[in-house]
Amino acid sequence: MTVFDRIVLLLTGLIAIYLIFYFVKKQRHPETASSSNIYYILSFAVLLISGLLLIIFGWNALKNDLVAIVAGLIPFGLASGLVAKFFPKLEKGYVGLLAIGLVLIAITRLGDMVILGKVLYPIFHSIAGLTIFFLPLIAVKNGRAKGSFAYVTLGGTLIGLGGIALAFLSAERQLFFFSEDFVLMILAPLLFLTALFFGLGLIKGESA
């Protein structure tokens, strides 16, 4: 990991801190309090911790099973927050589904069930990823959010692309031109842009 990578990850952490305080502030006011705020706080708190671990331990931290499991809370938390905000009736069932997925992923990773893990991991991450991609666009189309809320979709696309590339590398395969060196070169800027677009979308495009 280069000095540039660490600086970019630090900037990503600063964005995460700002977003955590933003949603904590919203949660303190009865008018804006919502379970979606809690999911967002969880997501960005995990992003902050993950970034700090990467700064301290370098890219080798990605090979740690526990880090990989906990990092799943980033897309799971964000997706749950979106569902809680725009489809509150589906919140309990959706969160329950992702919670089951996280437990199963943890069991397969820690229990060294490689084959089962290769099946479960993409299934549940795809559920969260597709939610992050489509739900903001649906909210904008239905007039429930401003056009800038689509930045959340852009952020989800970037992190999803990086996640897919890392998944291929962990399976000792390569996605197109995404070699290990290339993925690690773009990963820090990718995380920064993801956090930035998430922040822009959630703050600027929150309500129509």
N, C-alpha and C. Protein backbone atom coordinates (compact mmCIF):
# COMPACT_ATOMS: atom_id res chain seq x y z
N MET A 1 0.84 -1.19 0.00
CA MET A 1 0.00 0.00 0.00
C MET A 1 0.88 1.25 0.00
N THR A 2 0.60 2.17 -0.90
CA THR A 2 1.40 3.38 -1.04
C THR A 2 0.93 4.48 -0.07
N VAL A 3 1.74 5.52 0.04
CA VAL A 3 1.36 6.67 0.86
C VAL A 3 0.10 7.32 0.29
N PHE A 4 0.01 7.37 -1.04
CA PHE A 4 -1.17 7.92 -1.70
C PHE A 4 -2.42 7.16 -1.28
N ASP A 5 -2.33 5.82 -1.28
CA ASP A 5 -3.46 5.00 -0.87
C ASP A 5 -3.91 5.34 0.54
N ARG A 6 -2.95 5.49 1.44
CA ARG A 6 -3.28 5.78 2.84
C ARG A 6 -3.92 7.16 3.00
N ILE A 7 -3.46 8.12 2.21
CA ILE A 7 -4.05 9.46 2.26
C ILE A 7 -5.50 9.43 1.77
N VAL A 8 -5.71 8.69 0.67
CA VAL A 8 -7.07 8.59 0.11
C VAL A 8 -8.00 7.86 1.08
N LEU A 9 -7.49 6.81 1.72
CA LEU A 9 -8.29 6.09 2.70
C LEU A 9 -8.61 6.97 3.91
N LEU A 10 -7.66 7.82 4.27
CA LEU A 10 -7.90 8.76 5.38
C LEU A 10 -9.00 9.75 5.01
N LEU A 11 -8.96 10.25 3.78
CA LEU A 11 -10.02 11.15 3.31
C LEU A 11 -11.38 10.44 3.28
N THR A 12 -11.35 9.18 2.90
CA THR A 12 -12.59 8.38 2.92
C THR A 12 -13.13 8.27 4.34
N GLY A 13 -12.22 8.08 5.29
CA GLY A 13 -12.62 8.01 6.69
C GLY A 13 -13.23 9.31 7.18
N LEU A 14 -12.69 10.44 6.70
CA LEU A 14 -13.23 11.74 7.10
C LEU A 14 -14.65 11.92 6.58
N ILE A 15 -14.89 11.46 5.35
CA ILE A 15 -16.25 11.51 4.80
C ILE A 15 -17.18 10.65 5.64
N ALA A 16 -16.70 9.46 6.00
CA ALA A 16 -17.51 8.55 6.81
C ALA A 16 -17.85 9.18 8.17
N ILE A 17 -16.87 9.84 8.78
CA ILE A 17 -17.10 10.51 10.08
C ILE A 17 -18.16 11.60 9.93
N TYR A 18 -18.06 12.39 8.86
CA TYR A 18 -19.04 13.45 8.63
C TYR A 18 -20.44 12.87 8.48
N LEU A 19 -20.55 11.78 7.72
CA LEU A 19 -21.86 11.17 7.50
C LEU A 19 -22.41 10.55 8.78
N ILE A 20 -21.54 9.98 9.60
CA ILE A 20 -21.99 9.42 10.88
C ILE A 20 -22.59 10.53 11.75
N PHE A 21 -21.89 11.65 11.87
CA PHE A 21 -22.39 12.76 12.68
C PHE A 21 -23.66 13.34 12.07
N TYR A 22 -23.74 13.37 10.75
CA TYR A 22 -24.93 13.90 10.07
C TYR A 22 -26.17 13.09 10.43
N PHE A 23 -26.05 11.76 10.36
CA PHE A 23 -27.21 10.92 10.64
C PHE A 23 -27.49 10.79 12.14
N VAL A 24 -26.47 10.91 12.97
CA VAL A 24 -26.69 10.95 14.42
C VAL A 24 -27.50 12.20 14.78
N LYS A 25 -27.15 13.32 14.15
CA LYS A 25 -27.87 14.56 14.38
C LYS A 25 -29.32 14.44 13.94
N LYS A 26 -29.54 13.80 12.79
CA LYS A 26 -30.91 13.59 12.31
C LYS A 26 -31.70 12.71 13.27
N GLN A 27 -31.04 11.70 13.79
CA GLN A 27 -31.72 10.75 14.67
C GLN A 27 -32.12 11.39 15.99
N ARG A 28 -31.43 12.43 16.39
CA ARG A 28 -31.73 13.08 17.66
C ARG A 28 -32.99 13.94 17.60
N HIS A 29 -33.41 14.31 16.39
CA HIS A 29 -34.60 15.15 16.24
C HIS A 29 -35.81 14.27 15.93
N PRO A 30 -36.89 14.41 16.68
CA PRO A 30 -38.09 13.58 16.47
C PRO A 30 -38.63 13.66 15.04
N GLU A 31 -38.48 14.84 14.40
CA GLU A 31 -39.04 15.01 13.06
C GLU A 31 -38.29 14.19 12.01
N THR A 32 -37.00 13.95 12.24
CA THR A 32 -36.19 13.26 11.23
C THR A 32 -35.70 11.89 11.72
N ALA A 33 -36.09 11.51 12.93
CA ALA A 33 -35.64 10.22 13.47
C ALA A 33 -36.26 9.08 12.66
N SER A 34 -35.45 8.09 12.36
CA SER A 34 -35.91 6.96 11.56
C SER A 34 -34.93 5.80 11.71
N SER A 35 -35.42 4.59 11.56
CA SER A 35 -34.53 3.44 11.63
C SER A 35 -33.52 3.45 10.50
N SER A 36 -33.86 4.13 9.39
CA SER A 36 -32.92 4.21 8.27
C SER A 36 -31.64 4.93 8.68
N ASN A 37 -31.77 5.93 9.56
CA ASN A 37 -30.58 6.63 10.06
C ASN A 37 -29.63 5.67 10.77
N ILE A 38 -30.19 4.77 11.54
CA ILE A 38 -29.38 3.81 12.31
C ILE A 38 -28.63 2.88 11.36
N TYR A 39 -29.31 2.43 10.31
CA TYR A 39 -28.65 1.55 9.33
C TYR A 39 -27.51 2.29 8.62
N TYR A 40 -27.76 3.55 8.28
CA TYR A 40 -26.72 4.34 7.62
C TYR A 40 -25.52 4.55 8.54
N ILE A 41 -25.80 4.85 9.80
CA ILE A 41 -24.72 5.04 10.78
C ILE A 41 -23.87 3.79 10.89
N LEU A 42 -24.53 2.63 10.97
CA LEU A 42 -23.82 1.36 11.04
C LEU A 42 -22.94 1.15 9.82
N SER A 43 -23.49 1.43 8.65
CA SER A 43 -22.78 1.23 7.40
C SER A 43 -21.51 2.08 7.33
N PHE A 44 -21.64 3.36 7.66
CA PHE A 44 -20.49 4.26 7.56
C PHE A 44 -19.50 4.07 8.70
N ALA A 45 -19.99 3.60 9.85
CA ALA A 45 -19.07 3.27 10.95
C ALA A 45 -18.18 2.10 10.56
N VAL A 46 -18.76 1.10 9.91
CA VAL A 46 -17.98 -0.04 9.44
C VAL A 46 -17.00 0.39 8.35
N LEU A 47 -17.44 1.29 7.46
CA LEU A 47 -16.55 1.82 6.43
C LEU A 47 -15.36 2.53 7.07
N LEU A 48 -15.62 3.31 8.10
CA LEU A 48 -14.55 4.02 8.81
C LEU A 48 -13.57 3.04 9.44
N ILE A 49 -14.08 2.05 10.15
CA ILE A 49 -13.22 1.06 10.81
C ILE A 49 -12.43 0.25 9.80
N SER A 50 -13.10 -0.15 8.71
CA SER A 50 -12.42 -0.92 7.67
C SER A 50 -11.28 -0.12 7.05
N GLY A 51 -11.53 1.17 6.80
CA GLY A 51 -10.50 2.02 6.24
C GLY A 51 -9.31 2.17 7.16
N LEU A 52 -9.58 2.32 8.45
CA LEU A 52 -8.49 2.45 9.43
C LEU A 52 -7.67 1.16 9.51
N LEU A 53 -8.35 0.01 9.44
CA LEU A 53 -7.64 -1.27 9.46
C LEU A 53 -6.75 -1.42 8.24
N LEU A 54 -7.24 -0.96 7.09
CA LEU A 54 -6.44 -1.02 5.88
C LEU A 54 -5.23 -0.11 5.97
N ILE A 55 -5.42 1.09 6.54
CA ILE A 55 -4.30 2.02 6.70
C ILE A 55 -3.23 1.41 7.60
N ILE A 56 -3.65 0.74 8.66
CA ILE A 56 -2.71 0.18 9.64
C ILE A 56 -2.03 -1.08 9.12
N PHE A 57 -2.82 -2.00 8.57
CA PHE A 57 -2.31 -3.33 8.20
C PHE A 57 -2.07 -3.51 6.70
N GLY A 58 -2.47 -2.54 5.89
CA GLY A 58 -2.27 -2.67 4.46
C GLY A 58 -3.31 -3.57 3.82
N TRP A 59 -3.10 -3.89 2.54
CA TRP A 59 -4.08 -4.69 1.80
C TRP A 59 -4.19 -6.12 2.31
N ASN A 60 -3.22 -6.57 3.09
CA ASN A 60 -3.30 -7.92 3.64
C ASN A 60 -4.52 -8.10 4.54
N ALA A 61 -5.04 -6.99 5.07
CA ALA A 61 -6.23 -7.07 5.93
C ALA A 61 -7.42 -7.63 5.16
N LEU A 62 -7.41 -7.49 3.83
CA LEU A 62 -8.51 -8.00 3.02
C LEU A 62 -8.59 -9.52 3.05
N LYS A 63 -7.47 -10.16 3.38
CA LYS A 63 -7.43 -11.62 3.40
C LYS A 63 -7.95 -12.18 4.73
N ASN A 64 -8.17 -11.31 5.70
CA ASN A 64 -8.69 -11.75 6.99
C ASN A 64 -10.18 -12.04 6.87
N ASP A 65 -10.60 -13.25 7.25
CA ASP A 65 -12.00 -13.64 7.12
C ASP A 65 -12.93 -12.75 7.92
N LEU A 66 -12.50 -12.38 9.13
CA LEU A 66 -13.35 -11.56 9.99
C LEU A 66 -13.58 -10.18 9.38
N VAL A 67 -12.52 -9.60 8.81
CA VAL A 67 -12.64 -8.29 8.15
C VAL A 67 -13.60 -8.39 6.97
N ALA A 68 -13.48 -9.47 6.20
CA ALA A 68 -14.34 -9.66 5.03
C ALA A 68 -15.80 -9.80 5.44
N ILE A 69 -16.04 -10.48 6.55
CA ILE A 69 -17.42 -10.67 7.04
C ILE A 69 -18.01 -9.34 7.51
N VAL A 70 -17.26 -8.63 8.34
CA VAL A 70 -17.74 -7.36 8.90
C VAL A 70 -17.95 -6.33 7.80
N ALA A 71 -17.07 -6.34 6.79
CA ALA A 71 -17.18 -5.37 5.69
C ALA A 71 -18.50 -5.52 4.95
N GLY A 72 -19.11 -6.72 5.04
CA GLY A 72 -20.40 -6.93 4.41
C GLY A 72 -21.50 -6.06 5.00
N LEU A 73 -21.26 -5.53 6.20
CA LEU A 73 -22.25 -4.65 6.83
C LEU A 73 -22.37 -3.32 6.10
N ILE A 74 -21.36 -2.96 5.30
CA ILE A 74 -21.42 -1.69 4.56
C ILE A 74 -22.56 -1.71 3.55
N PRO A 75 -22.56 -2.65 2.58
CA PRO A 75 -23.70 -2.67 1.65
C PRO A 75 -25.00 -3.13 2.30
N PHE A 76 -24.91 -4.06 3.27
CA PHE A 76 -26.11 -4.54 3.93
C PHE A 76 -26.79 -3.42 4.70
N GLY A 77 -26.00 -2.61 5.40
CA GLY A 77 -26.56 -1.50 6.18
C GLY A 77 -27.18 -0.44 5.29
N LEU A 78 -26.48 -0.10 4.21
CA LEU A 78 -26.99 0.93 3.31
C LEU A 78 -28.27 0.46 2.62
N ALA A 79 -28.27 -0.78 2.15
CA ALA A 79 -29.46 -1.31 1.49
C ALA A 79 -30.64 -1.36 2.46
N SER A 80 -30.39 -1.77 3.70
CA SER A 80 -31.46 -1.82 4.71
C SER A 80 -32.00 -0.44 5.00
N GLY A 81 -31.12 0.56 5.03
CA GLY A 81 -31.55 1.93 5.26
C GLY A 81 -32.46 2.43 4.16
N LEU A 82 -32.13 2.08 2.92
CA LEU A 82 -32.95 2.51 1.78
C LEU A 82 -34.33 1.85 1.83
N VAL A 83 -34.36 0.56 2.15
CA VAL A 83 -35.64 -0.15 2.24
C VAL A 83 -36.47 0.41 3.39
N ALA A 84 -35.82 0.67 4.53
CA ALA A 84 -36.54 1.20 5.69
C ALA A 84 -37.15 2.57 5.41
N LYS A 85 -36.49 3.35 4.57
CA LYS A 85 -36.98 4.69 4.28
C LYS A 85 -38.11 4.71 3.25
N PHE A 86 -37.93 3.92 2.19
CA PHE A 86 -38.89 4.00 1.08
C PHE A 86 -39.92 2.87 1.07
N PHE A 87 -39.60 1.75 1.71
CA PHE A 87 -40.55 0.64 1.79
C PHE A 87 -40.56 0.09 3.22
N PRO A 88 -41.01 0.91 4.18
CA PRO A 88 -40.95 0.52 5.60
C PRO A 88 -41.69 -0.78 5.93
N LYS A 89 -42.72 -1.11 5.15
CA LYS A 89 -43.46 -2.35 5.43
C LYS A 89 -42.60 -3.59 5.15
N LEU A 90 -41.59 -3.43 4.32
CA LEU A 90 -40.72 -4.55 3.97
C LEU A 90 -39.46 -4.60 4.84
N GLU A 91 -39.31 -3.62 5.72
CA GLU A 91 -38.07 -3.47 6.48
C GLU A 91 -37.71 -4.72 7.28
N LYS A 92 -38.61 -5.21 8.10
CA LYS A 92 -38.30 -6.33 8.99
C LYS A 92 -37.90 -7.59 8.21
N GLY A 93 -38.67 -7.88 7.18
CA GLY A 93 -38.38 -9.06 6.38
C GLY A 93 -37.06 -8.94 5.65
N TYR A 94 -36.80 -7.74 5.10
CA TYR A 94 -35.56 -7.51 4.34
C TYR A 94 -34.34 -7.59 5.25
N VAL A 95 -34.42 -6.89 6.38
CA VAL A 95 -33.30 -6.90 7.33
C VAL A 95 -33.06 -8.31 7.87
N GLY A 96 -34.16 -9.03 8.12
CA GLY A 96 -34.03 -10.41 8.59
C GLY A 96 -33.34 -11.28 7.57
N LEU A 97 -33.67 -11.09 6.28
CA LEU A 97 -33.05 -11.87 5.21
C LEU A 97 -31.54 -11.60 5.14
N LEU A 98 -31.17 -10.33 5.19
CA LEU A 98 -29.74 -10.00 5.13
C LEU A 98 -29.00 -10.45 6.39
N ALA A 99 -29.68 -10.42 7.53
CA ALA A 99 -29.05 -10.90 8.76
C ALA A 99 -28.76 -12.40 8.67
N ILE A 100 -29.71 -13.14 8.12
CA ILE A 100 -29.50 -14.57 7.91
C ILE A 100 -28.33 -14.78 6.95
N GLY A 101 -28.29 -13.97 5.90
CA GLY A 101 -27.20 -14.06 4.94
C GLY A 101 -25.85 -13.80 5.57
N LEU A 102 -25.79 -12.79 6.44
CA LEU A 102 -24.52 -12.45 7.09
C LEU A 102 -24.06 -13.58 8.00
N VAL A 103 -25.00 -14.18 8.72
CA VAL A 103 -24.67 -15.31 9.59
C VAL A 103 -24.16 -16.50 8.77
N LEU A 104 -24.85 -16.81 7.68
CA LEU A 104 -24.44 -17.92 6.84
C LEU A 104 -23.07 -17.68 6.21
N ILE A 105 -22.83 -16.44 5.78
CA ILE A 105 -21.53 -16.10 5.21
C ILE A 105 -20.43 -16.26 6.26
N ALA A 106 -20.73 -15.82 7.49
CA ALA A 106 -19.75 -15.96 8.58
C ALA A 106 -19.44 -17.43 8.86
N ILE A 107 -20.49 -18.26 8.86
CA ILE A 107 -20.29 -19.69 9.12
C ILE A 107 -19.43 -20.33 8.04
N THR A 108 -19.70 -19.98 6.78
CA THR A 108 -18.95 -20.59 5.68
C THR A 108 -17.51 -20.10 5.64
N ARG A 109 -17.30 -18.81 5.98
CA ARG A 109 -15.93 -18.26 5.95
C ARG A 109 -15.11 -18.79 7.11
N LEU A 110 -15.67 -18.74 8.31
CA LEU A 110 -14.93 -19.18 9.49
C LEU A 110 -14.85 -20.71 9.57
N GLY A 111 -15.84 -21.38 8.97
CA GLY A 111 -15.84 -22.83 8.99
C GLY A 111 -15.13 -23.45 7.80
N ASP A 112 -14.52 -22.59 6.98
CA ASP A 112 -13.74 -23.04 5.82
C ASP A 112 -14.59 -23.87 4.87
N MET A 113 -15.86 -23.47 4.68
CA MET A 113 -16.74 -24.14 3.71
C MET A 113 -16.66 -23.37 2.40
N VAL A 114 -15.58 -23.59 1.68
CA VAL A 114 -15.26 -22.77 0.52
C VAL A 114 -16.32 -22.83 -0.56
N ILE A 115 -16.74 -24.02 -0.92
CA ILE A 115 -17.70 -24.18 -2.02
C ILE A 115 -19.03 -23.52 -1.68
N LEU A 116 -19.55 -23.78 -0.48
CA LEU A 116 -20.82 -23.18 -0.06
C LEU A 116 -20.69 -21.66 0.03
N GLY A 117 -19.53 -21.21 0.50
CA GLY A 117 -19.31 -19.78 0.60
C GLY A 117 -19.34 -19.08 -0.74
N LYS A 118 -18.81 -19.75 -1.79
CA LYS A 118 -18.81 -19.18 -3.13
C LYS A 118 -20.22 -19.04 -3.69
N VAL A 119 -21.15 -19.80 -3.14
CA VAL A 119 -22.55 -19.71 -3.57
C VAL A 119 -23.30 -18.65 -2.78
N LEU A 120 -23.15 -18.68 -1.46
CA LEU A 120 -23.90 -17.78 -0.59
C LEU A 120 -23.45 -16.33 -0.70
N TYR A 121 -22.12 -16.12 -0.75
CA TYR A 121 -21.58 -14.76 -0.76
C TYR A 121 -22.16 -13.92 -1.90
N PRO A 122 -22.08 -14.38 -3.16
CA PRO A 122 -22.63 -13.56 -4.24
C PRO A 122 -24.14 -13.40 -4.19
N ILE A 123 -24.85 -14.40 -3.66
CA ILE A 123 -26.31 -14.31 -3.60
C ILE A 123 -26.75 -13.14 -2.72
N PHE A 124 -26.26 -13.11 -1.48
CA PHE A 124 -26.72 -12.07 -0.55
C PHE A 124 -26.12 -10.71 -0.86
N HIS A 125 -24.90 -10.68 -1.36
CA HIS A 125 -24.32 -9.40 -1.75
C HIS A 125 -25.01 -8.85 -2.99
N SER A 126 -25.49 -9.74 -3.87
CA SER A 126 -26.24 -9.29 -5.03
C SER A 126 -27.57 -8.68 -4.62
N ILE A 127 -28.21 -9.26 -3.61
CA ILE A 127 -29.48 -8.72 -3.10
C ILE A 127 -29.27 -7.29 -2.61
N ALA A 128 -28.23 -7.09 -1.81
CA ALA A 128 -27.94 -5.74 -1.29
C ALA A 128 -27.52 -4.82 -2.41
N GLY A 129 -26.67 -5.31 -3.31
CA GLY A 129 -26.17 -4.48 -4.40
C GLY A 129 -27.26 -4.02 -5.35
N LEU A 130 -28.16 -4.92 -5.70
CA LEU A 130 -29.25 -4.56 -6.60
C LEU A 130 -30.21 -3.58 -5.93
N THR A 131 -30.39 -3.71 -4.62
CA THR A 131 -31.22 -2.76 -3.87
C THR A 131 -30.62 -1.36 -3.94
N ILE A 132 -29.31 -1.29 -3.70
CA ILE A 132 -28.62 0.01 -3.73
C ILE A 132 -28.65 0.61 -5.13
N PHE A 133 -28.60 -0.24 -6.14
CA PHE A 133 -28.59 0.26 -7.52
C PHE A 133 -29.97 0.76 -7.95
N PHE A 134 -31.01 -0.05 -7.74
CA PHE A 134 -32.32 0.27 -8.31
C PHE A 134 -33.19 1.16 -7.42
N LEU A 135 -33.13 0.99 -6.10
CA LEU A 135 -34.07 1.70 -5.24
C LEU A 135 -33.94 3.23 -5.34
N PRO A 136 -32.71 3.80 -5.36
CA PRO A 136 -32.63 5.26 -5.53
C PRO A 136 -33.22 5.73 -6.85
N LEU A 137 -33.04 4.97 -7.92
CA LEU A 137 -33.61 5.35 -9.21
C LEU A 137 -35.13 5.31 -9.17
N ILE A 138 -35.67 4.30 -8.49
CA ILE A 138 -37.12 4.20 -8.34
C ILE A 138 -37.66 5.38 -7.52
N ALA A 139 -36.94 5.73 -6.45
CA ALA A 139 -37.36 6.85 -5.60
C ALA A 139 -37.36 8.16 -6.37
N VAL A 140 -36.35 8.36 -7.21
CA VAL A 140 -36.29 9.58 -8.03
C VAL A 140 -37.42 9.59 -9.05
N LYS A 141 -37.64 8.45 -9.71
CA LYS A 141 -38.68 8.36 -10.73
C LYS A 141 -40.07 8.62 -10.14
N ASN A 142 -40.29 8.15 -8.92
CA ASN A 142 -41.59 8.32 -8.28
C ASN A 142 -41.74 9.66 -7.57
N GLY A 143 -40.72 10.50 -7.67
CA GLY A 143 -40.79 11.82 -7.06
C GLY A 143 -40.61 11.84 -5.56
N ARG A 144 -40.08 10.76 -5.00
CA ARG A 144 -39.88 10.68 -3.56
C ARG A 144 -38.49 11.13 -3.14
N ALA A 145 -37.66 11.46 -4.12
CA ALA A 145 -36.31 11.95 -3.84
C ALA A 145 -35.89 12.85 -4.99
N LYS A 146 -34.94 13.72 -4.74
CA LYS A 146 -34.42 14.60 -5.78
C LYS A 146 -33.55 13.80 -6.75
N GLY A 147 -33.30 14.41 -7.90
CA GLY A 147 -32.50 13.74 -8.92
C GLY A 147 -31.11 13.37 -8.44
N SER A 148 -30.55 14.19 -7.56
CA SER A 148 -29.19 13.93 -7.06
C SER A 148 -29.13 12.68 -6.18
N PHE A 149 -30.29 12.14 -5.80
CA PHE A 149 -30.29 10.91 -5.01
C PHE A 149 -29.73 9.74 -5.82
N ALA A 150 -29.70 9.90 -7.14
CA ALA A 150 -29.16 8.86 -8.02
C ALA A 150 -27.65 8.68 -7.81
N TYR A 151 -27.01 9.63 -7.13
CA TYR A 151 -25.59 9.46 -6.80
C TYR A 151 -25.39 8.19 -5.96
N VAL A 152 -26.39 7.82 -5.19
CA VAL A 152 -26.29 6.60 -4.39
C VAL A 152 -26.15 5.39 -5.31
N THR A 153 -26.89 5.40 -6.40
CA THR A 153 -26.77 4.32 -7.39
C THR A 153 -25.36 4.28 -7.96
N LEU A 154 -24.80 5.45 -8.26
CA LEU A 154 -23.44 5.51 -8.81
C LEU A 154 -22.43 4.96 -7.81
N GLY A 155 -22.58 5.35 -6.55
CA GLY A 155 -21.69 4.85 -5.51
C GLY A 155 -21.80 3.34 -5.37
N GLY A 156 -23.03 2.84 -5.43
CA GLY A 156 -23.24 1.41 -5.33
C GLY A 156 -22.65 0.65 -6.49
N THR A 157 -22.70 1.26 -7.69
CA THR A 157 -22.11 0.64 -8.87
C THR A 157 -20.60 0.51 -8.73
N LEU A 158 -19.97 1.57 -8.23
CA LEU A 158 -18.51 1.56 -8.08
C LEU A 158 -18.06 0.51 -7.07
N ILE A 159 -18.70 0.49 -5.90
CA ILE A 159 -18.28 -0.46 -4.86
C ILE A 159 -18.63 -1.89 -5.30
N GLY A 160 -19.72 -2.02 -6.05
CA GLY A 160 -20.09 -3.35 -6.54
C GLY A 160 -19.06 -3.89 -7.53
N LEU A 161 -18.57 -3.01 -8.40
CA LEU A 161 -17.56 -3.40 -9.36
C LEU A 161 -16.28 -3.84 -8.66
N GLY A 162 -15.89 -3.05 -7.66
CA GLY A 162 -14.69 -3.41 -6.89
C GLY A 162 -14.87 -4.71 -6.14
N GLY A 163 -16.07 -4.91 -5.59
CA GLY A 163 -16.34 -6.15 -4.85
C GLY A 163 -16.30 -7.37 -5.74
N ILE A 164 -16.85 -7.24 -6.96
CA ILE A 164 -16.84 -8.36 -7.90
C ILE A 164 -15.41 -8.70 -8.30
N ALA A 165 -14.61 -7.66 -8.57
CA ALA A 165 -13.22 -7.88 -8.94
C ALA A 165 -12.45 -8.59 -7.83
N LEU A 166 -12.68 -8.17 -6.57
CA LEU A 166 -12.02 -8.81 -5.43
C LEU A 166 -12.48 -10.25 -5.26
N ALA A 167 -13.77 -10.49 -5.52
CA ALA A 167 -14.29 -11.85 -5.41
C ALA A 167 -13.62 -12.78 -6.42
N PHE A 168 -13.40 -12.27 -7.64
CA PHE A 168 -12.73 -13.07 -8.66
C PHE A 168 -11.29 -13.36 -8.25
N LEU A 169 -10.62 -12.35 -7.68
CA LEU A 169 -9.23 -12.54 -7.26
C LEU A 169 -9.13 -13.55 -6.13
N SER A 170 -10.08 -13.49 -5.19
CA SER A 170 -10.06 -14.44 -4.07
C SER A 170 -10.30 -15.87 -4.55
N ALA A 171 -10.97 -16.00 -5.70
CA ALA A 171 -11.19 -17.31 -6.29
C ALA A 171 -10.07 -17.68 -7.25
N GLU A 172 -9.00 -16.86 -7.23
CA GLU A 172 -7.82 -17.08 -8.07
C GLU A 172 -8.17 -17.04 -9.55
N ARG A 173 -9.08 -16.14 -9.87
CA ARG A 173 -9.44 -15.89 -11.26
C ARG A 173 -9.40 -14.39 -11.47
N GLN A 174 -9.46 -13.96 -12.75
CA GLN A 174 -9.37 -12.54 -13.06
C GLN A 174 -10.58 -12.10 -13.86
N LEU A 175 -11.17 -10.96 -13.46
CA LEU A 175 -12.30 -10.38 -14.17
C LEU A 175 -11.79 -9.41 -15.23
N PHE A 176 -11.90 -9.80 -16.49
CA PHE A 176 -11.44 -8.98 -17.61
C PHE A 176 -9.99 -8.55 -17.39
N PHE A 177 -9.76 -7.21 -17.34
CA PHE A 177 -8.39 -6.71 -17.15
C PHE A 177 -8.10 -6.37 -15.69
N PHE A 178 -8.99 -6.80 -14.77
CA PHE A 178 -8.84 -6.47 -13.36
C PHE A 178 -7.85 -7.43 -12.70
N SER A 179 -6.58 -7.23 -12.98
CA SER A 179 -5.55 -8.03 -12.33
C SER A 179 -5.42 -7.60 -10.87
N GLU A 180 -4.71 -8.38 -10.06
CA GLU A 180 -4.55 -8.04 -8.65
C GLU A 180 -3.89 -6.68 -8.48
N ASP A 181 -2.84 -6.42 -9.25
CA ASP A 181 -2.14 -5.13 -9.14
C ASP A 181 -3.05 -3.97 -9.51
N PHE A 182 -3.87 -4.17 -10.56
CA PHE A 182 -4.76 -3.10 -11.01
C PHE A 182 -5.85 -2.83 -9.98
N VAL A 183 -6.44 -3.91 -9.44
CA VAL A 183 -7.50 -3.77 -8.44
C VAL A 183 -6.99 -3.03 -7.21
N LEU A 184 -5.81 -3.43 -6.72
CA LEU A 184 -5.26 -2.78 -5.53
C LEU A 184 -4.86 -1.33 -5.81
N MET A 185 -4.54 -1.03 -7.06
CA MET A 185 -4.17 0.33 -7.43
C MET A 185 -5.37 1.27 -7.39
N ILE A 186 -6.55 0.75 -7.80
CA ILE A 186 -7.73 1.60 -7.88
C ILE A 186 -8.64 1.48 -6.66
N LEU A 187 -8.35 0.54 -5.74
CA LEU A 187 -9.28 0.26 -4.65
C LEU A 187 -9.48 1.45 -3.71
N ALA A 188 -8.40 2.10 -3.31
CA ALA A 188 -8.52 3.24 -2.39
C ALA A 188 -9.31 4.38 -3.03
N PRO A 189 -8.98 4.82 -4.27
CA PRO A 189 -9.80 5.85 -4.91
C PRO A 189 -11.24 5.41 -5.10
N LEU A 190 -11.45 4.11 -5.34
CA LEU A 190 -12.80 3.58 -5.52
C LEU A 190 -13.61 3.72 -4.24
N LEU A 191 -13.00 3.41 -3.10
CA LEU A 191 -13.67 3.55 -1.81
C LEU A 191 -13.98 5.02 -1.53
N PHE A 192 -13.04 5.90 -1.88
CA PHE A 192 -13.25 7.33 -1.66
C PHE A 192 -14.43 7.84 -2.48
N LEU A 193 -14.45 7.50 -3.78
CA LEU A 193 -15.54 7.95 -4.65
C LEU A 193 -16.87 7.36 -4.22
N THR A 194 -16.84 6.11 -3.76
CA THR A 194 -18.06 5.47 -3.27
C THR A 194 -18.64 6.23 -2.08
N ALA A 195 -17.79 6.53 -1.09
CA ALA A 195 -18.23 7.28 0.08
C ALA A 195 -18.72 8.67 -0.31
N LEU A 196 -18.02 9.31 -1.25
CA LEU A 196 -18.39 10.65 -1.70
C LEU A 196 -19.75 10.65 -2.37
N PHE A 197 -19.98 9.71 -3.28
CA PHE A 197 -21.26 9.65 -4.00
C PHE A 197 -22.40 9.26 -3.06
N PHE A 198 -22.13 8.34 -2.13
CA PHE A 198 -23.14 7.99 -1.14
C PHE A 198 -23.54 9.23 -0.34
N GLY A 199 -22.54 9.98 0.09
CA GLY A 199 -22.80 11.18 0.88
C GLY A 199 -23.60 12.21 0.10
N LEU A 200 -23.18 12.46 -1.15
CA LEU A 200 -23.88 13.44 -1.98
C LEU A 200 -25.33 13.02 -2.21
N GLY A 201 -25.53 11.74 -2.50
CA GLY A 201 -26.87 11.28 -2.76
C GLY A 201 -27.77 11.33 -1.54
N LEU A 202 -27.26 10.84 -0.41
CA LEU A 202 -28.08 10.77 0.80
C LEU A 202 -28.38 12.15 1.39
N ILE A 203 -27.46 13.09 1.22
CA ILE A 203 -27.64 14.42 1.81
C ILE A 203 -28.35 15.37 0.86
N LYS A 204 -27.86 15.44 -0.39
CA LYS A 204 -28.41 16.40 -1.36
C LYS A 204 -29.73 15.96 -1.97
N GLY A 205 -29.91 14.65 -2.11
CA GLY A 205 -31.10 14.19 -2.81
C GLY A 205 -32.12 13.51 -1.94
N GLU A 206 -32.04 13.77 -0.63
CA GLU A 206 -32.85 13.02 0.32
C GLU A 206 -34.34 13.13 0.10
N SER A 207 -34.85 14.32 -0.15
CA SER A 207 -36.30 14.46 -0.30
C SER A 207 -36.61 15.37 -1.48
N ALA A 208 -37.66 15.04 -2.14
CA ALA A 208 -38.06 15.83 -3.33
C ALA A 208 -38.77 17.12 -2.94
